[in-house]
Amino acid sequence: MIRKISLFLVNTILSYFLSDIAFSQNIREVEIRNHNYFSSTNQVIEIKYTSKTRDNANSITRRYLLNLESLNKGSLNLNYVENNSKLYFKFVNNDLYFKHPDSINYILFEPINKKRKPPSNVFFLKYLPLSCTSFFLKNSFESEDSNFQTCAGDTFILEQVSKKLEVVRKLYLDKNLQIFKTEYTSTDSNSLQEKWQYEYKIYKNIELSQLADSLKFGPFNKENFIKNSYINKESTIIYDGKTHVPLTNKKTLILDTTKIKYYIIDLWYIGCKPCSMLRPYLEKIYTNIDTSKAIMLGYNEFDIMEDINTYLKRKNFQIPEIDNSSFYLEQFHTNMHPTVLILDKKFKVIETYVGYSTLNILKIRTFLKAKKLFL
C-alpha cells in the first residue's frame, strides 16, 4: 500500500515536472519564433494600437508602419510613420529624429530627443515580441502564471498574469506560434487605462514609403481637407465694389471679382525645397496667364514678411505674395507643401495639387489651357 502511494506520488511529481518542462519549452519556442519573425529587416510591420479607459466608452486607435533597419546588441534602429502624424520618424540608438512630409527626400532628419532614453513617442516598441524588448517575453511575465488555451480554428491563446504589473495578458498565436494580436487588461481598479491591445501584420519585400503611400498613411496621405474650403466675405477686404488683397511688398492688389473667373494660390514656405523647385514653373505660367481672367498668388503662412521679401527678391520671383500678417487664410492651413489651389469666382476650391512633380505641373497647365486662361 505504501509502495503504491509512493509510486503515485512519484508519477504525479514527475508528470507535473515534465509538463512544466514542456510548457517552458513552448514559451521558449514562442519567444524564438517571434523574435525571428519580427526582426527581419526585409519587411514592414503594421501595428494597430487600441486603448480604452475606465471612464470612457469610446476607444482610441493608432496605427503605425515600421521597418527595422538593424537590430544589433539589443539596439533597435528603425524607420516608422504614424497614421495620424504628418511626420516621418527615424529611431536610432534611443534617439528619435523626424522629417517633414514635404521634404522626405531632400533634407536630413532633425532630432526630437537626445536623452539616450526611448521617448514616449515610441512607447509601442516595448510591445514588439523581440528579444531586446525585455518587457515583452523576458522579465515582466517570465515567472508569472501562464497557460495555453485553444480557440476556434488554428488559433492558440497564451494567457499570462503579472502580479507585479497587475495585468492579464493574452497572446494570440497562429498555427506556427506567431503572434498576431496581444490583449492587456489591468487588474488594478485604480488604473485609468482598463484595456489595450496590439494587432500585428507583416508585409514582405516592400519599402516603408511605398507601403505607406499605397495605404495613404500619415505623411503620405494626399487627401487634403482644404478641398471643400473657400474664402468667405469675412476673409477678404472689399470696398468700392472690388476686393483688395494686401501684399508683402506693401502694395495692394485690387481684384475685379466681376471679371476674374479663377484664382491660383501657391501654398509654400522658405525651408521647403520642393516648393523652391516648383516655383520656377509657376513663374513661367504666371508670365503667360491672362490676368483679366485669372490671378496667381503666393501664400506663405509660416515666415515673416521681411524674410519672405528677401527670399523672393533673391530668387527674382514675380508672383504677387499675400501679406500673411493682415490677410490670414486659416482655412487653407496645410502640412503638405507645396500645395497649389485653384479657386473659382466664388472663391471655392475646385482643384488641389499637392507636392512637386512634373505630373502636377502638367495637370496645372492642362487645366488652365482647357479654361483658355493663357494669353
Protein backbone atom coordinates (compact mmCIF):
# COMPACT_ATOMS: atom_id res chain seq x y z
CA MET A 1 0.00 0.00 0.00
CA ILE A 2 2.77 2.35 0.99
CA ARG A 3 4.65 1.39 -2.21
CA LYS A 4 1.59 2.20 -4.36
CA ILE A 5 1.19 5.59 -2.70
CA SER A 6 4.89 6.29 -3.20
CA LEU A 7 4.71 5.34 -6.90
CA PHE A 8 1.61 7.52 -7.29
CA LEU A 9 3.38 10.48 -5.73
CA VAL A 10 6.48 9.93 -7.87
CA ASN A 11 4.40 9.71 -11.06
CA THR A 12 2.41 12.79 -10.10
CA ILE A 13 5.50 14.83 -9.34
CA LEU A 14 7.26 13.54 -12.48
CA SER A 15 4.21 14.26 -14.63
CA TYR A 16 3.98 17.75 -13.21
CA PHE A 17 7.71 18.29 -13.68
CA LEU A 18 7.64 17.06 -17.29
CA SER A 19 4.56 19.12 -18.14
CA ASP A 20 6.28 22.15 -16.63
CA ILE A 21 9.35 21.49 -18.79
CA ALA A 22 7.15 21.06 -21.87
CA PHE A 23 5.36 24.30 -21.10
CA SER A 24 8.65 26.13 -20.58
CA GLN A 25 9.83 24.77 -23.90
CA ASN A 26 6.64 26.05 -25.55
CA ILE A 27 7.19 29.51 -24.09
CA ARG A 28 10.78 29.47 -25.28
CA GLU A 29 9.66 28.34 -28.72
CA VAL A 30 7.16 31.21 -28.89
CA GLU A 31 9.91 33.65 -27.97
CA ILE A 32 12.41 32.34 -30.53
CA ARG A 33 9.95 32.09 -33.40
CA ASN A 34 8.51 35.54 -32.90
CA HIS A 35 11.87 37.22 -32.47
CA ASN A 36 12.98 35.72 -35.78
CA TYR A 37 9.65 36.57 -37.39
CA PHE A 38 9.54 40.22 -36.33
CA SER A 39 13.26 41.06 -36.50
CA SER A 40 13.62 40.69 -40.27
CA THR A 41 14.77 43.91 -41.97
CA ASN A 42 13.23 42.95 -45.31
CA GLN A 43 9.66 43.71 -44.27
CA VAL A 44 7.28 46.32 -42.88
CA ILE A 45 5.33 45.73 -39.66
CA GLU A 46 1.89 47.30 -39.31
CA ILE A 47 0.82 47.85 -35.70
CA LYS A 48 -2.74 48.74 -34.76
CA TYR A 49 -2.98 50.00 -31.18
CA THR A 50 -6.35 50.32 -29.42
CA SER A 51 -6.83 51.65 -25.90
CA LYS A 52 -9.86 52.07 -23.67
CA THR A 53 -10.07 53.92 -20.33
CA ARG A 54 -12.44 53.05 -17.49
CA ASP A 55 -14.36 56.32 -17.63
CA ASN A 56 -14.86 56.41 -21.38
CA ALA A 57 -16.88 54.00 -23.52
CA ASN A 58 -15.01 55.10 -26.63
CA SER A 59 -11.61 53.70 -27.56
CA ILE A 60 -8.54 55.35 -29.07
CA THR A 61 -6.90 53.79 -32.13
CA ARG A 62 -3.47 54.48 -33.59
CA ARG A 63 -1.74 52.75 -36.46
CA TYR A 64 1.96 52.52 -37.23
CA LEU A 65 4.11 51.23 -40.05
CA LEU A 66 7.70 50.45 -39.17
CA ASN A 67 10.75 48.94 -40.79
CA LEU A 68 13.72 47.67 -38.80
CA GLU A 69 16.98 48.90 -40.29
CA SER A 70 19.13 46.95 -37.86
CA LEU A 71 18.96 45.03 -34.59
CA ASN A 72 22.41 44.72 -33.08
CA LYS A 73 23.40 44.00 -29.48
CA GLY A 74 19.93 44.82 -28.22
CA SER A 75 19.79 48.17 -30.04
CA LEU A 76 16.83 48.99 -32.28
CA ASN A 77 17.27 51.16 -35.37
CA LEU A 78 14.13 51.70 -37.39
CA ASN A 79 12.00 54.00 -39.54
CA TYR A 80 8.31 54.47 -38.88
CA VAL A 81 5.26 56.55 -39.72
CA GLU A 82 2.15 57.09 -37.64
CA ASN A 83 -1.19 57.27 -39.40
CA ASN A 84 -2.28 60.43 -37.57
CA SER A 85 1.04 62.28 -37.87
CA LYS A 86 2.34 64.33 -40.79
CA LEU A 87 5.95 63.46 -39.85
CA TYR A 88 8.28 60.66 -40.87
CA PHE A 89 10.36 59.24 -38.00
CA LYS A 90 13.72 57.55 -37.54
CA PHE A 91 14.73 55.86 -34.29
CA VAL A 92 18.47 55.26 -33.83
CA ASN A 93 20.16 54.12 -30.62
CA ASN A 94 17.37 55.53 -28.43
CA ASP A 95 17.42 58.87 -30.27
CA LEU A 96 14.34 59.97 -32.22
CA TYR A 97 14.51 62.07 -35.39
CA PHE A 98 11.88 63.36 -37.77
CA LYS A 99 11.41 64.66 -41.29
CA HIS A 100 8.71 66.94 -42.60
CA PRO A 101 6.37 65.16 -45.05
CA ASP A 102 7.17 67.54 -47.90
CA SER A 103 10.91 67.09 -47.56
CA ILE A 104 11.29 63.34 -47.02
CA ASN A 105 13.65 63.01 -49.97
CA TYR A 106 15.50 66.29 -49.57
CA ILE A 107 16.75 67.10 -46.05
CA LEU A 108 18.33 65.28 -43.14
CA PHE A 109 16.35 64.15 -40.14
CA GLU A 110 16.06 66.65 -37.30
CA PRO A 111 16.39 65.41 -33.67
CA ILE A 112 13.41 65.24 -31.34
CA ASN A 113 15.35 63.97 -28.33
CA LYS A 114 18.97 63.27 -27.38
CA LYS A 115 18.38 61.76 -23.95
CA ARG A 116 19.62 58.25 -24.66
CA LYS A 117 16.32 57.02 -23.32
CA PRO A 118 13.38 55.96 -25.52
CA PRO A 119 10.91 58.86 -25.70
CA SER A 120 7.19 58.40 -25.15
CA ASN A 121 6.64 58.71 -28.93
CA VAL A 122 7.89 55.16 -29.37
CA PHE A 123 6.02 53.53 -26.48
CA PHE A 124 4.85 50.81 -28.88
CA LEU A 125 8.39 49.42 -29.18
CA LYS A 126 8.24 47.56 -25.89
CA TYR A 127 5.19 45.70 -27.18
CA LEU A 128 7.14 44.17 -30.08
CA PRO A 129 7.98 40.49 -29.49
CA LEU A 130 11.75 40.94 -29.83
CA SER A 131 14.45 39.64 -27.52
CA CYS A 132 15.75 43.17 -26.90
CA THR A 133 12.36 44.43 -25.68
CA SER A 134 12.63 42.96 -22.21
CA PHE A 135 9.06 43.87 -21.29
CA PHE A 136 7.50 41.51 -23.78
CA LEU A 137 8.69 37.95 -23.15
CA LYS A 138 11.59 38.31 -20.74
CA ASN A 139 11.23 40.00 -17.40
CA SER A 140 7.68 41.12 -16.74
CA PHE A 141 5.81 37.87 -17.40
CA GLU A 142 8.57 35.25 -17.28
CA SER A 143 7.96 33.84 -13.80
CA GLU A 144 4.26 34.58 -13.57
CA ASP A 145 1.25 32.31 -14.02
CA SER A 146 0.71 31.25 -17.63
CA ASN A 147 -1.47 28.78 -19.51
CA PHE A 148 -2.23 27.80 -23.08
CA GLN A 149 -5.75 27.76 -24.45
CA THR A 150 -7.09 26.67 -27.80
CA CYS A 151 -9.86 28.57 -29.53
CA ALA A 152 -11.63 28.17 -32.87
CA GLY A 153 -9.56 27.16 -35.89
CA ASP A 154 -5.77 27.19 -35.71
CA THR A 155 -5.52 29.98 -33.11
CA PHE A 156 -3.88 29.48 -29.73
CA ILE A 157 -4.09 31.82 -26.75
CA LEU A 158 -1.31 32.11 -24.23
CA GLU A 159 -2.69 33.80 -21.13
CA GLN A 160 -0.23 35.32 -18.66
CA VAL A 161 -0.76 37.08 -15.36
CA SER A 162 1.71 39.59 -13.99
CA LYS A 163 1.06 40.31 -10.31
CA LYS A 164 3.84 42.87 -10.34
CA LEU A 165 2.26 44.92 -13.13
CA GLU A 166 -1.31 43.96 -12.17
CA VAL A 167 -2.02 43.00 -15.75
CA VAL A 168 -3.53 39.99 -17.51
CA ARG A 169 -2.10 39.48 -20.97
CA LYS A 170 -3.34 37.26 -23.78
CA LEU A 171 -1.07 36.43 -26.71
CA TYR A 172 -2.94 35.26 -29.81
CA LEU A 173 -0.85 32.87 -31.91
CA ASP A 174 -1.46 31.19 -35.24
CA LYS A 175 -0.64 27.56 -36.02
CA ASN A 176 3.02 28.50 -36.46
CA LEU A 177 3.07 30.06 -32.97
CA GLN A 178 3.46 33.52 -34.50
CA ILE A 179 1.80 36.32 -32.53
CA PHE A 180 -0.78 38.38 -34.44
CA LYS A 181 -2.51 40.08 -31.51
CA THR A 182 -1.91 40.89 -27.85
CA GLU A 183 -4.54 41.97 -25.32
CA TYR A 184 -3.85 43.60 -21.97
CA THR A 185 -6.35 44.04 -19.14
CA SER A 186 -5.49 45.91 -15.97
CA THR A 187 -6.46 44.22 -12.70
CA ASP A 188 -5.76 47.44 -10.81
CA SER A 189 -9.14 49.10 -10.18
CA ASN A 190 -7.37 52.44 -9.65
CA SER A 191 -5.74 52.35 -13.06
CA LEU A 192 -7.22 54.79 -15.59
CA GLN A 193 -6.40 52.53 -18.51
CA GLU A 194 -8.63 49.47 -18.49
CA LYS A 195 -7.80 47.60 -21.68
CA TRP A 196 -5.38 47.96 -24.57
CA GLN A 197 -4.36 45.73 -27.43
CA TYR A 198 -1.91 45.47 -30.33
CA GLU A 199 -2.59 43.81 -33.66
CA TYR A 200 0.32 42.95 -35.98
CA LYS A 201 0.51 42.45 -39.72
CA ILE A 202 3.67 41.74 -41.71
CA TYR A 203 4.31 42.93 -45.28
CA LYS A 204 7.22 41.19 -47.00
CA ASN A 205 9.57 42.57 -49.67
CA ILE A 206 8.24 46.12 -49.72
CA GLU A 207 9.68 49.50 -48.76
CA LEU A 208 8.12 51.51 -45.97
CA SER A 209 7.46 54.61 -48.09
CA GLN A 210 5.93 52.50 -50.85
CA LEU A 211 3.52 50.77 -48.48
CA ALA A 212 2.71 54.00 -46.60
CA ASP A 213 1.91 55.68 -49.91
CA SER A 214 -0.38 52.86 -51.06
CA LEU A 215 -2.20 52.82 -47.69
CA LYS A 216 -2.39 56.67 -47.53
CA PHE A 217 -0.58 56.54 -44.22
CA GLY A 218 0.40 59.62 -42.21
CA PRO A 219 2.59 61.98 -44.27
CA PHE A 220 1.76 60.00 -47.40
CA ASN A 221 -1.94 60.83 -47.10
CA LYS A 222 -2.52 63.02 -50.15
CA GLU A 223 -6.14 63.79 -49.32
CA ASN A 224 -6.32 67.46 -48.44
CA PHE A 225 -9.02 68.72 -46.11
CA ILE A 226 -8.97 72.13 -47.82
CA LYS A 227 -10.65 70.66 -50.92
CA ASN A 228 -14.03 71.92 -49.73
CA SER A 229 -12.77 75.21 -48.31
CA TYR A 230 -13.41 78.65 -49.69
CA ILE A 231 -12.61 82.28 -48.99
CA ASN A 232 -15.68 83.84 -47.44
CA LYS A 233 -16.51 87.54 -47.40
CA GLU A 234 -15.02 87.96 -43.94
CA SER A 235 -11.65 86.78 -45.28
CA THR A 236 -11.47 89.46 -47.96
CA ILE A 237 -11.25 93.24 -47.84
CA ILE A 238 -13.99 94.63 -50.07
CA TYR A 239 -14.77 98.27 -50.77
CA ASP A 240 -15.68 100.32 -53.85
CA GLY A 241 -17.15 97.12 -55.27
CA LYS A 242 -13.73 95.50 -55.57
CA THR A 243 -11.64 93.08 -53.48
CA HIS A 244 -8.38 94.44 -52.05
CA VAL A 245 -5.62 91.96 -51.19
CA PRO A 246 -2.60 93.26 -49.18
CA LEU A 247 0.79 92.08 -50.50
CA THR A 248 4.17 91.64 -48.83
CA ASN A 249 5.67 94.43 -50.95
CA LYS A 250 3.28 96.80 -49.11
CA LYS A 251 1.16 97.23 -52.19
CA THR A 252 -2.49 96.28 -52.56
CA LEU A 253 -3.79 94.05 -55.31
CA ILE A 254 -7.22 95.19 -56.46
CA LEU A 255 -9.33 92.41 -57.92
CA ASP A 256 -12.37 92.95 -60.08
CA THR A 257 -14.35 89.92 -58.97
CA THR A 258 -16.98 90.51 -61.65
CA LYS A 259 -14.43 89.62 -64.35
CA ILE A 260 -11.93 87.26 -62.76
CA LYS A 261 -13.03 83.64 -63.03
CA TYR A 262 -10.18 81.75 -61.37
CA TYR A 263 -7.62 82.24 -58.59
CA ILE A 264 -4.43 80.15 -58.42
CA ILE A 265 -2.77 80.12 -54.98
CA ASP A 266 0.64 78.58 -54.28
CA LEU A 267 0.99 77.49 -50.60
CA TRP A 268 4.69 77.34 -49.70
CA TYR A 269 7.37 78.26 -47.15
CA ILE A 270 11.06 79.18 -47.36
CA GLY A 271 12.55 75.98 -45.92
CA CYS A 272 10.62 73.74 -48.32
CA LYS A 273 12.93 72.54 -51.10
CA PRO A 274 10.12 71.01 -53.21
CA CYS A 275 8.42 74.45 -53.05
CA SER A 276 11.51 76.14 -54.46
CA MET A 277 11.68 73.50 -57.20
CA LEU A 278 8.04 74.03 -58.21
CA ARG A 279 8.02 77.82 -58.09
CA PRO A 280 10.07 78.50 -61.29
CA TYR A 281 7.49 76.54 -63.30
CA LEU A 282 4.67 78.52 -61.72
CA GLU A 283 6.57 81.72 -62.57
CA LYS A 284 6.60 80.71 -66.25
CA ILE A 285 2.85 80.06 -66.09
CA TYR A 286 2.35 83.43 -64.38
CA THR A 287 4.07 85.35 -67.21
CA ASN A 288 1.73 83.79 -69.79
CA ILE A 289 -1.57 83.91 -67.93
CA ASP A 290 -4.43 86.23 -68.85
CA THR A 291 -4.68 88.32 -65.67
CA SER A 292 -8.07 89.67 -66.70
CA LYS A 293 -9.50 86.17 -66.25
CA ALA A 294 -7.22 84.56 -63.67
CA ILE A 295 -4.97 85.73 -60.85
CA MET A 296 -1.99 83.83 -59.45
CA LEU A 297 -0.87 84.48 -55.86
CA GLY A 298 1.65 83.07 -53.41
CA TYR A 299 0.78 82.46 -49.77
CA ASN A 300 3.32 81.67 -47.04
CA GLU A 301 1.71 81.42 -43.60
CA PHE A 302 4.87 80.48 -41.70
CA ASP A 303 7.63 83.01 -42.43
CA ILE A 304 7.72 86.71 -41.51
CA MET A 305 7.25 89.34 -44.20
CA GLU A 306 10.86 90.58 -44.17
CA ASP A 307 12.24 87.08 -44.76
CA ILE A 308 9.67 86.41 -47.47
CA ASN A 309 10.56 89.62 -49.32
CA THR A 310 14.29 88.90 -49.06
CA TYR A 311 13.78 85.38 -50.40
CA LEU A 312 11.54 86.47 -53.29
CA LYS A 313 13.99 89.22 -54.27
CA ARG A 314 16.98 86.87 -54.19
CA LYS A 315 15.12 84.33 -56.33
CA ASN A 316 13.67 87.05 -58.57
CA PHE A 317 10.16 85.61 -58.21
CA GLN A 318 7.40 87.87 -59.54
CA ILE A 319 4.17 86.17 -58.44
CA PRO A 320 2.37 88.57 -56.03
CA GLU A 321 2.69 87.38 -52.42
CA ILE A 322 -0.19 87.75 -49.96
CA ASP A 323 0.72 89.53 -46.71
CA ASN A 324 0.03 86.86 -44.07
CA SER A 325 0.09 89.41 -41.25
CA SER A 326 -3.08 91.13 -42.42
CA PHE A 327 -4.67 88.51 -44.68
CA TYR A 328 -4.54 85.20 -42.83
CA LEU A 329 -6.22 82.36 -44.70
CA GLU A 330 -6.66 79.99 -41.77
CA GLN A 331 -8.93 77.65 -43.70
CA PHE A 332 -6.08 76.90 -46.11
CA HIS A 333 -3.63 75.75 -43.45
CA THR A 334 -1.91 72.55 -44.55
CA ASN A 335 1.07 70.40 -43.60
CA MET A 336 1.58 69.34 -47.20
CA HIS A 337 3.82 71.66 -49.21
CA PRO A 338 3.87 72.78 -51.88
CA THR A 339 0.12 72.80 -52.49
CA VAL A 340 -1.42 74.65 -55.42
CA LEU A 341 -5.09 75.55 -55.17
CA ILE A 342 -7.39 76.69 -57.94
CA LEU A 343 -10.47 78.60 -56.79
CA ASP A 344 -13.49 79.55 -58.84
CA LYS A 345 -15.02 83.03 -58.99
CA LYS A 346 -16.90 82.35 -55.74
CA PHE A 347 -13.56 81.63 -54.01
CA LYS A 348 -14.34 77.92 -53.65
CA VAL A 349 -11.52 75.40 -54.10
CA ILE A 350 -12.12 73.31 -57.21
CA GLU A 351 -8.66 71.81 -57.78
CA THR A 352 -5.82 70.81 -55.42
CA TYR A 353 -2.31 69.77 -56.45
CA VAL A 354 -0.05 68.51 -53.65
CA GLY A 355 3.73 68.21 -53.98
CA TYR A 356 6.33 68.89 -56.63
CA SER A 357 6.16 66.65 -59.69
CA THR A 358 6.21 67.02 -63.46
CA LEU A 359 2.77 65.41 -63.48
CA ASN A 360 1.32 68.16 -61.26
CA ILE A 361 2.89 70.85 -63.43
CA LEU A 362 1.35 69.21 -66.49
CA LYS A 363 -2.06 68.99 -64.78
CA ILE A 364 -1.99 72.68 -63.84
CA ARG A 365 -1.05 73.75 -67.37
CA THR A 366 -3.68 71.43 -68.87
CA PHE A 367 -6.40 72.86 -66.62
CA LEU A 368 -5.51 76.46 -67.44
CA LYS A 369 -5.28 75.70 -71.14
CA ALA A 370 -8.67 73.98 -71.12
CA LYS A 371 -10.19 77.07 -69.49
CA LYS A 372 -8.46 79.30 -72.09
CA LEU A 373 -6.59 81.27 -69.43
CA PHE A 374 -3.33 81.68 -71.35
CA LEU A 375 -2.59 84.74 -73.46
